[in-house]
Amino acid sequence: MDRSLYISMSGAKQNMLAQQSNANNLANADTTGFKRDFAAARSMPVFGDHHPSRAYAMAERPGTDFSSGPMKETGRDLDVAVRGEGWIAVEPEPGDEAYTRAGDLQIDVNGILRTGDGLPVLGNGGPVAIPPADKVHIGADGTISVVPAGGPADQLVDVDRIKLVNPPRDEIEKSEDGLVRRKPEFALDGPEVADGNIRVETGFLEGSNVNAIESLIQNLELARQYEMQVKAMQTADENSQAMARMLQDL
């Protein structure tokens, strides 16, 4: 009985972990540039003296869905969406480089270009700094041009270029902070090289690639599976008590 109880317990635990992952996806259904996480578990044989049919559930982290989300037009000059493959390079901490698809950019009081989460956007030589300007324009290749404050409206000056990178999908993973980085085994000696073929669409944002309806249905399915596992644990406990009573009567 204790073996069946353990098997049910392991299944219930993995159902809880899957519900957490799925709930996080659902909560970010409207988050700009969010990529949904997969959740899965597989059967593993129970080692030791047991019947060959016994197995328990083991959680796996198969990865993240890096497919593109829907494009949403905003008309805002500092909103950019990466077209197709590619990432915007940001600096979460000094010396650290990570990647995101969230292109809701803004300029802080010091002229530093940042994402909506406040992360500095990297350019050719570090974080992008925008001088005082009457207008800021971001080209399809990520080039940032400005009309200097007080200057003629047709006088555009290039100040920097957003660093756009495209590491292979099988060499990257999503970190706990939601940013994408290279896997440790594929880490480079230096920073990622910018890819000049990546293009961005100004005045657009990429939405989350989470299907809210699909995630909601999956959450209900996981809840039913959890209830089934709990019921199995209760049955194992009842059988154990019945067996104990039978032994007492002998």
C-alpha atoms as a PDB file:
ATOM      1  CA  MET A   1       0.000   0.000   0.000  1.00  0.00           C
ATOM      2  CA  ASP A   2       2.831   2.365   0.779  1.00  0.00           C
ATOM      3  CA  ARG A   3       4.126   1.949  -2.791  1.00  0.00           C
ATOM      4  CA  SER A   4       0.808   2.863  -4.388  1.00  0.00           C
ATOM      5  CA  LEU A   5       0.538   5.801  -1.994  1.00  0.00           C
ATOM      6  CA  TYR A   6       3.972   7.039  -3.081  1.00  0.00           C
ATOM      7  CA  ILE A   7       3.103   6.670  -6.757  1.00  0.00           C
ATOM      8  CA  SER A   8      -0.082   8.717  -6.312  1.00  0.00           C
ATOM      9  CA  MET A   9       1.773  11.293  -4.237  1.00  0.00           C
ATOM     10  CA  SER A  10       4.450  11.769  -6.915  1.00  0.00           C
ATOM     11  CA  GLY A  11       1.754  12.166  -9.579  1.00  0.00           C
ATOM     12  CA  ALA A  12      -0.111  14.765  -7.506  1.00  0.00           C
ATOM     13  CA  LYS A  13       3.108  16.682  -6.909  1.00  0.00           C
ATOM     14  CA  GLN A  14       3.911  16.886 -10.629  1.00  0.00           C
ATOM     15  CA  ASN A  15       0.340  17.971 -11.345  1.00  0.00           C
ATOM     16  CA  MET A  16       0.824  20.840  -8.886  1.00  0.00           C
ATOM     17  CA  LEU A  17       4.073  21.881 -10.600  1.00  0.00           C
ATOM     18  CA  ALA A  18       2.393  21.744 -14.012  1.00  0.00           C
ATOM     19  CA  GLN A  19      -0.489  23.874 -12.710  1.00  0.00           C
ATOM     20  CA  GLN A  20       1.992  26.487 -11.450  1.00  0.00           C
ATOM     21  CA  SER A  21       3.720  26.666 -14.827  1.00  0.00           C
ATOM     22  CA  ASN A  22       0.423  26.823 -16.690  1.00  0.00           C
ATOM     23  CA  ALA A  23      -0.973  29.457 -14.312  1.00  0.00           C
ATOM     24  CA  ASN A  24       2.129  31.582 -14.906  1.00  0.00           C
ATOM     25  CA  ASN A  25       1.552  31.320 -18.660  1.00  0.00           C
ATOM     26  CA  LEU A  26      -2.083  32.315 -18.230  1.00  0.00           C
ATOM     27  CA  ALA A  27      -1.148  35.279 -16.007  1.00  0.00           C
ATOM     28  CA  ASN A  28       1.182  36.544 -18.762  1.00  0.00           C
ATOM     29  CA  ALA A  29      -1.271  36.175 -21.634  1.00  0.00           C
ATOM     30  CA  ASP A  30      -1.149  39.969 -22.118  1.00  0.00           C
ATOM     31  CA  THR A  31       2.544  40.511 -21.289  1.00  0.00           C
ATOM     32  CA  THR A  32       4.512  42.057 -24.143  1.00  0.00           C
ATOM     33  CA  GLY A  33       6.954  39.599 -25.717  1.00  0.00           C
ATOM     34  CA  PHE A  34       6.234  36.793 -23.207  1.00  0.00           C
ATOM     35  CA  LYS A  35       7.109  33.232 -24.277  1.00  0.00           C
ATOM     36  CA  ARG A  36       5.106  30.409 -22.741  1.00  0.00           C
ATOM     37  CA  ASP A  37       6.770  27.581 -20.832  1.00  0.00           C
ATOM     38  CA  PHE A  38       6.095  23.914 -21.379  1.00  0.00           C
ATOM     39  CA  ALA A  39       5.443  21.530 -18.468  1.00  0.00           C
ATOM     40  CA  ALA A  40       5.665  17.761 -18.669  1.00  0.00           C
ATOM     41  CA  ALA A  41       6.224  14.637 -16.605  1.00  0.00           C
ATOM     42  CA  ARG A  42       7.147  11.110 -17.588  1.00  0.00           C
ATOM     43  CA  SER A  43       6.889   7.703 -15.978  1.00  0.00           C
ATOM     44  CA  MET A  44       9.964   6.327 -14.260  1.00  0.00           C
ATOM     45  CA  PRO A  45      10.275   2.761 -12.962  1.00  0.00           C
ATOM     46  CA  VAL A  46      10.467   2.296  -9.211  1.00  0.00           C
ATOM     47  CA  PHE A  47      13.861   0.828  -8.343  1.00  0.00           C
ATOM     48  CA  GLY A  48      14.157  -2.040  -5.889  1.00  0.00           C
ATOM     49  CA  ASP A  49      11.988  -5.048  -5.048  1.00  0.00           C
ATOM     50  CA  HIS A  50       8.695  -4.313  -6.758  1.00  0.00           C
ATOM     51  CA  HIS A  51       6.256  -5.447  -9.403  1.00  0.00           C
ATOM     52  CA  PRO A  52       7.508  -4.411 -12.916  1.00  0.00           C
ATOM     53  CA  SER A  53       4.339  -2.410 -13.560  1.00  0.00           C
ATOM     54  CA  ARG A  54       5.050   0.079 -10.784  1.00  0.00           C
ATOM     55  CA  ALA A  55       6.131   3.546 -11.893  1.00  0.00           C
ATOM     56  CA  TYR A  56       6.174   7.071 -10.536  1.00  0.00           C
ATOM     57  CA  ALA A  57       5.980  10.508 -12.153  1.00  0.00           C
ATOM     58  CA  MET A  58       9.106  12.603 -12.691  1.00  0.00           C
ATOM     59  CA  ALA A  59       8.908  16.243 -13.758  1.00  0.00           C
ATOM     60  CA  GLU A  60      10.758  17.450 -16.826  1.00  0.00           C
ATOM     61  CA  ARG A  61      11.459  20.906 -18.150  1.00  0.00           C
ATOM     62  CA  PRO A  62      11.225  20.461 -21.912  1.00  0.00           C
ATOM     63  CA  GLY A  63      11.799  24.150 -22.517  1.00  0.00           C
ATOM     64  CA  THR A  64      10.084  27.264 -23.769  1.00  0.00           C
ATOM     65  CA  ASP A  65       7.954  27.986 -26.806  1.00  0.00           C
ATOM     66  CA  PHE A  66       9.987  30.609 -28.685  1.00  0.00           C
ATOM     67  CA  SER A  67       7.471  31.062 -31.501  1.00  0.00           C
ATOM     68  CA  SER A  68       6.455  34.631 -32.329  1.00  0.00           C
ATOM     69  CA  GLY A  69       3.410  36.234 -30.749  1.00  0.00           C
ATOM     70  CA  PRO A  70       0.859  38.431 -32.539  1.00  0.00           C
ATOM     71  CA  MET A  71       1.888  41.904 -33.730  1.00  0.00           C
ATOM     72  CA  LYS A  72      -0.055  44.759 -32.155  1.00  0.00           C
ATOM     73  CA  GLU A  73       0.038  48.205 -33.717  1.00  0.00           C
ATOM     74  CA  THR A  74       0.527  51.069 -31.253  1.00  0.00           C
ATOM     75  CA  GLY A  75       1.772  53.919 -33.457  1.00  0.00           C
ATOM     76  CA  ARG A  76       4.284  54.901 -30.749  1.00  0.00           C
ATOM     77  CA  ASP A  77       7.733  55.914 -32.021  1.00  0.00           C
ATOM     78  CA  LEU A  78       9.620  53.987 -29.320  1.00  0.00           C
ATOM     79  CA  ASP A  79       7.668  50.749 -29.675  1.00  0.00           C
ATOM     80  CA  VAL A  80       9.449  48.103 -31.751  1.00  0.00           C
ATOM     81  CA  ALA A  81       8.663  44.470 -32.569  1.00  0.00           C
ATOM     82  CA  VAL A  82      11.240  42.049 -33.923  1.00  0.00           C
ATOM     83  CA  ARG A  83      10.157  40.569 -37.227  1.00  0.00           C
ATOM     84  CA  GLY A  84      10.715  36.815 -37.393  1.00  0.00           C
ATOM     85  CA  GLU A  85      13.767  35.434 -35.608  1.00  0.00           C
ATOM     86  CA  GLY A  86      15.926  37.555 -33.317  1.00  0.00           C
ATOM     87  CA  TRP A  87      16.183  39.255 -29.935  1.00  0.00           C
ATOM     88  CA  ILE A  88      16.825  42.665 -28.417  1.00  0.00           C
ATOM     89  CA  ALA A  89      19.964  42.669 -26.247  1.00  0.00           C
ATOM     90  CA  VAL A  90      19.637  44.196 -22.769  1.00  0.00           C
ATOM     91  CA  GLU A  91      21.869  44.588 -19.701  1.00  0.00           C
ATOM     92  CA  PRO A  92      20.154  43.332 -16.502  1.00  0.00           C
ATOM     93  CA  GLU A  93      23.327  43.872 -14.462  1.00  0.00           C
ATOM     94  CA  PRO A  94      26.606  45.614 -15.335  1.00  0.00           C
ATOM     95  CA  GLY A  95      28.559  43.225 -17.540  1.00  0.00           C
ATOM     96  CA  ASP A  96      25.609  40.841 -17.996  1.00  0.00           C
ATOM     97  CA  GLU A  97      23.876  40.404 -21.353  1.00  0.00           C
ATOM     98  CA  ALA A  98      20.446  38.903 -21.879  1.00  0.00           C
ATOM     99  CA  TYR A  99      17.784  38.982 -24.575  1.00  0.00           C
ATOM    100  CA  THR A 100      14.124  39.912 -24.794  1.00  0.00           C
ATOM    101  CA  ARG A 101      11.348  40.434 -27.325  1.00  0.00           C
ATOM    102  CA  ALA A 102       9.653  43.133 -25.259  1.00  0.00           C
ATOM    103  CA  GLY A 103      10.096  46.256 -27.368  1.00  0.00           C
ATOM    104  CA  ASP A 104       8.113  48.763 -25.264  1.00  0.00           C
ATOM    105  CA  LEU A 105      11.072  51.133 -25.019  1.00  0.00           C
ATOM    106  CA  GLN A 106      11.355  54.395 -23.107  1.00  0.00           C
ATOM    107  CA  ILE A 107      13.985  57.027 -22.374  1.00  0.00           C
ATOM    108  CA  ASP A 108      14.790  57.755 -18.729  1.00  0.00           C
ATOM    109  CA  VAL A 109      15.746  61.128 -17.230  1.00  0.00           C
ATOM    110  CA  ASN A 110      19.408  60.457 -18.001  1.00  0.00           C
ATOM    111  CA  GLY A 111      18.742  59.723 -21.658  1.00  0.00           C
ATOM    112  CA  ILE A 112      19.290  55.952 -21.349  1.00  0.00           C
ATOM    113  CA  LEU A 113      17.069  53.822 -23.572  1.00  0.00           C
ATOM    114  CA  ARG A 114      15.318  51.170 -21.457  1.00  0.00           C
ATOM    115  CA  THR A 115      12.691  48.478 -21.837  1.00  0.00           C
ATOM    116  CA  GLY A 116       9.333  48.741 -20.116  1.00  0.00           C
ATOM    117  CA  ASP A 117      10.849  46.784 -17.211  1.00  0.00           C
ATOM    118  CA  GLY A 118      13.625  49.358 -16.834  1.00  0.00           C
ATOM    119  CA  LEU A 119      16.445  47.304 -18.378  1.00  0.00           C
ATOM    120  CA  PRO A 120      19.077  49.246 -20.379  1.00  0.00           C
ATOM    121  CA  VAL A 121      18.987  48.427 -24.093  1.00  0.00           C
ATOM    122  CA  LEU A 122      22.402  47.632 -25.548  1.00  0.00           C
ATOM    123  CA  GLY A 123      23.808  49.312 -28.627  1.00  0.00           C
ATOM    124  CA  ASN A 124      27.127  49.221 -30.471  1.00  0.00           C
ATOM    125  CA  GLY A 125      29.213  50.060 -27.403  1.00  0.00           C
ATOM    126  CA  GLY A 126      27.043  49.456 -24.363  1.00  0.00           C
ATOM    127  CA  PRO A 127      23.717  50.903 -23.182  1.00  0.00           C
ATOM    128  CA  VAL A 128      22.112  53.236 -25.706  1.00  0.00           C
ATOM    129  CA  ALA A 129      22.214  56.910 -24.673  1.00  0.00           C
ATOM    130  CA  ILE A 130      19.869  59.358 -26.412  1.00  0.00           C
ATOM    131  CA  PRO A 131      20.849  63.064 -26.456  1.00  0.00           C
ATOM    132  CA  PRO A 132      18.176  65.763 -25.949  1.00  0.00           C
ATOM    133  CA  ALA A 133      15.966  65.567 -29.012  1.00  0.00           C
ATOM    134  CA  ASP A 134      12.672  66.782 -30.402  1.00  0.00           C
ATOM    135  CA  LYS A 135      12.020  63.454 -32.138  1.00  0.00           C
ATOM    136  CA  VAL A 136      13.425  59.937 -31.986  1.00  0.00           C
ATOM    137  CA  HIS A 137      13.170  57.519 -34.893  1.00  0.00           C
ATOM    138  CA  ILE A 138      14.081  53.814 -34.924  1.00  0.00           C
ATOM    139  CA  GLY A 139      14.816  52.332 -38.331  1.00  0.00           C
ATOM    140  CA  ALA A 140      14.057  48.834 -39.567  1.00  0.00           C
ATOM    141  CA  ASP A 141      17.638  47.726 -38.819  1.00  0.00           C
ATOM    142  CA  GLY A 142      17.528  49.149 -35.285  1.00  0.00           C
ATOM    143  CA  THR A 143      19.375  52.366 -36.130  1.00  0.00           C
ATOM    144  CA  ILE A 144      18.324  55.182 -33.786  1.00  0.00           C
ATOM    145  CA  SER A 145      18.122  58.649 -35.320  1.00  0.00           C
ATOM    146  CA  VAL A 146      17.110  61.890 -33.615  1.00  0.00           C
ATOM    147  CA  VAL A 147      16.154  65.403 -34.481  1.00  0.00           C
ATOM    148  CA  PRO A 148      18.366  67.421 -32.087  1.00  0.00           C
ATOM    149  CA  ALA A 149      16.527  69.656 -29.648  1.00  0.00           C
ATOM    150  CA  GLY A 150      15.910  72.999 -31.342  1.00  0.00           C
ATOM    151  CA  GLY A 151      17.224  71.731 -34.691  1.00  0.00           C
ATOM    152  CA  PRO A 152      15.493  71.664 -38.087  1.00  0.00           C
ATOM    153  CA  ALA A 153      12.739  69.066 -38.349  1.00  0.00           C
ATOM    154  CA  ASP A 154      14.411  67.433 -41.382  1.00  0.00           C
ATOM    155  CA  GLN A 155      17.817  67.104 -39.706  1.00  0.00           C
ATOM    156  CA  LEU A 156      18.148  63.474 -38.612  1.00  0.00           C
ATOM    157  CA  VAL A 157      21.326  62.405 -36.809  1.00  0.00           C
ATOM    158  CA  ASP A 158      22.223  58.760 -36.188  1.00  0.00           C
ATOM    159  CA  VAL A 159      23.203  58.226 -32.544  1.00  0.00           C
ATOM    160  CA  ASP A 160      23.407  54.444 -32.129  1.00  0.00           C
ATOM    161  CA  ARG A 161      21.941  51.124 -33.203  1.00  0.00           C
ATOM    162  CA  ILE A 162      19.996  48.661 -31.076  1.00  0.00           C
ATOM    163  CA  LYS A 163      21.929  45.423 -30.705  1.00  0.00           C
ATOM    164  CA  LEU A 164      19.874  42.665 -32.332  1.00  0.00           C
ATOM    165  CA  VAL A 165      21.080  39.086 -31.982  1.00  0.00           C
ATOM    166  CA  ASN A 166      19.928  35.689 -33.177  1.00  0.00           C
ATOM    167  CA  PRO A 167      21.564  32.784 -31.298  1.00  0.00           C
ATOM    168  CA  PRO A 168      20.363  29.273 -32.281  1.00  0.00           C
ATOM    169  CA  ARG A 169      17.139  28.287 -30.523  1.00  0.00           C
ATOM    170  CA  ASP A 170      18.590  25.035 -29.208  1.00  0.00           C
ATOM    171  CA  GLU A 171      21.401  26.972 -27.486  1.00  0.00           C
ATOM    172  CA  ILE A 172      19.252  29.380 -25.468  1.00  0.00           C
ATOM    173  CA  GLU A 173      16.886  29.088 -22.509  1.00  0.00           C
ATOM    174  CA  LYS A 174      14.620  31.326 -20.463  1.00  0.00           C
ATOM    175  CA  SER A 175      16.024  32.254 -17.069  1.00  0.00           C
ATOM    176  CA  GLU A 176      14.047  32.699 -13.864  1.00  0.00           C
ATOM    177  CA  ASP A 177      13.922  36.482 -14.440  1.00  0.00           C
ATOM    178  CA  GLY A 178      12.061  35.910 -17.720  1.00  0.00           C
ATOM    179  CA  LEU A 179      15.011  36.924 -19.912  1.00  0.00           C
ATOM    180  CA  VAL A 180      16.657  34.652 -22.443  1.00  0.00           C
ATOM    181  CA  ARG A 181      20.324  33.668 -22.185  1.00  0.00           C
ATOM    182  CA  ARG A 182      22.643  31.109 -23.696  1.00  0.00           C
ATOM    183  CA  LYS A 183      22.704  27.744 -21.972  1.00  0.00           C
ATOM    184  CA  PRO A 184      25.846  27.260 -19.841  1.00  0.00           C
ATOM    185  CA  GLU A 185      27.208  24.620 -22.215  1.00  0.00           C
ATOM    186  CA  PHE A 186      26.898  27.041 -25.151  1.00  0.00           C
ATOM    187  CA  ALA A 187      28.230  30.145 -23.380  1.00  0.00           C
ATOM    188  CA  LEU A 188      30.553  32.355 -25.436  1.00  0.00           C
ATOM    189  CA  ASP A 189      33.862  33.828 -24.325  1.00  0.00           C
ATOM    190  CA  GLY A 190      32.561  37.304 -25.118  1.00  0.00           C
ATOM    191  CA  PRO A 191      29.245  39.005 -25.920  1.00  0.00           C
ATOM    192  CA  GLU A 192      26.956  37.787 -28.668  1.00  0.00           C
ATOM    193  CA  VAL A 193      27.708  39.176 -32.127  1.00  0.00           C
ATOM    194  CA  ALA A 194      25.015  41.460 -33.533  1.00  0.00           C
ATOM    195  CA  ASP A 195      23.108  40.127 -36.551  1.00  0.00           C
ATOM    196  CA  GLY A 196      22.637  42.738 -39.271  1.00  0.00           C
ATOM    197  CA  ASN A 197      19.885  40.721 -40.975  1.00  0.00           C
ATOM    198  CA  ILE A 198      17.351  41.150 -38.159  1.00  0.00           C
ATOM    199  CA  ARG A 199      14.637  43.701 -38.757  1.00  0.00           C
ATOM    200  CA  VAL A 200      12.226  45.463 -36.428  1.00  0.00           C
ATOM    201  CA  GLU A 201       8.835  47.055 -37.013  1.00  0.00           C
ATOM    202  CA  THR A 202       8.448  50.504 -35.460  1.00  0.00           C
ATOM    203  CA  GLY A 203       5.092  51.397 -33.968  1.00  0.00           C
ATOM    204  CA  PHE A 204       4.288  47.761 -33.146  1.00  0.00           C
ATOM    205  CA  LEU A 205       4.651  45.463 -30.143  1.00  0.00           C
ATOM    206  CA  GLU A 206       4.806  41.687 -30.079  1.00  0.00           C
ATOM    207  CA  GLY A 207       2.176  40.181 -27.834  1.00  0.00           C
ATOM    208  CA  SER A 208       2.440  37.046 -25.718  1.00  0.00           C
ATOM    209  CA  ASN A 209       2.370  33.723 -27.557  1.00  0.00           C
ATOM    210  CA  VAL A 210       0.105  32.248 -24.855  1.00  0.00           C
ATOM    211  CA  ASN A 211      -3.285  31.014 -26.022  1.00  0.00           C
ATOM    212  CA  ALA A 212      -5.482  31.999 -23.072  1.00  0.00           C
ATOM    213  CA  ILE A 213      -8.341  29.615 -23.922  1.00  0.00           C
ATOM    214  CA  GLU A 214      -6.005  26.667 -24.420  1.00  0.00           C
ATOM    215  CA  SER A 215      -4.199  27.430 -21.148  1.00  0.00           C
ATOM    216  CA  LEU A 216      -7.486  27.725 -19.243  1.00  0.00           C
ATOM    217  CA  ILE A 217      -8.693  24.347 -20.544  1.00  0.00           C
ATOM    218  CA  GLN A 218      -5.345  22.773 -19.697  1.00  0.00           C
ATOM    219  CA  ASN A 219      -5.547  24.180 -16.190  1.00  0.00           C
ATOM    220  CA  LEU A 220      -8.953  22.522 -15.700  1.00  0.00           C
ATOM    221  CA  GLU A 221      -7.564  19.217 -16.984  1.00  0.00           C
ATOM    222  CA  LEU A 222      -4.631  19.419 -14.575  1.00  0.00           C
ATOM    223  CA  ALA A 223      -6.985  20.168 -11.687  1.00  0.00           C
ATOM    224  CA  ARG A 224      -9.049  17.045 -12.501  1.00  0.00           C
ATOM    225  CA  GLN A 225      -5.874  14.945 -12.715  1.00  0.00           C
ATOM    226  CA  TYR A 226      -4.795  16.260  -9.323  1.00  0.00           C
ATOM    227  CA  GLU A 227      -8.149  15.296  -7.825  1.00  0.00           C
ATOM    228  CA  MET A 228      -7.741  11.808  -9.288  1.00  0.00           C
ATOM    229  CA  GLN A 229      -4.303  11.426  -7.691  1.00  0.00           C
ATOM    230  CA  VAL A 230      -5.626  12.594  -4.309  1.00  0.00           C
ATOM    231  CA  LYS A 231      -8.498  10.108  -4.591  1.00  0.00           C
ATOM    232  CA  ALA A 232      -5.967   7.339  -5.274  1.00  0.00           C
ATOM    233  CA  MET A 233      -4.041   8.331  -2.142  1.00  0.00           C
ATOM    234  CA  GLN A 234      -7.238   8.195  -0.090  1.00  0.00           C
ATOM    235  CA  THR A 235      -8.051   4.748  -1.508  1.00  0.00           C
ATOM    236  CA  ALA A 236      -4.544   3.498  -0.664  1.00  0.00           C
ATOM    237  CA  ASP A 237      -4.970   4.773   2.891  1.00  0.00           C
ATOM    238  CA  GLU A 238      -8.381   3.119   3.237  1.00  0.00           C
ATOM    239  CA  ASN A 239      -6.989  -0.183   1.922  1.00  0.00           C
ATOM    240  CA  SER A 240      -4.101   0.045   4.381  1.00  0.00           C
ATOM    241  CA  GLN A 241      -6.521   0.561   7.293  1.00  0.00           C
ATOM    242  CA  ALA A 242      -8.693  -2.342   6.140  1.00  0.00           C
ATOM    243  CA  MET A 243      -5.633  -4.608   5.948  1.00  0.00           C
ATOM    244  CA  ALA A 244      -4.582  -3.583   9.457  1.00  0.00           C
ATOM    245  CA  ARG A 245      -8.057  -4.463  10.812  1.00  0.00           C
ATOM    246  CA  MET A 246      -7.916  -7.853   9.123  1.00  0.00           C
ATOM    247  CA  LEU A 247      -4.551  -8.613  10.724  1.00  0.00           C
ATOM    248  CA  GLN A 248      -5.873  -7.586  14.128  1.00  0.00           C
ATOM    249  CA  ASP A 249      -8.769 -10.047  13.777  1.00  0.00           C
ATOM    250  CA  LEU A 250      -6.460 -12.977  13.056  1.00  0.00           C
END
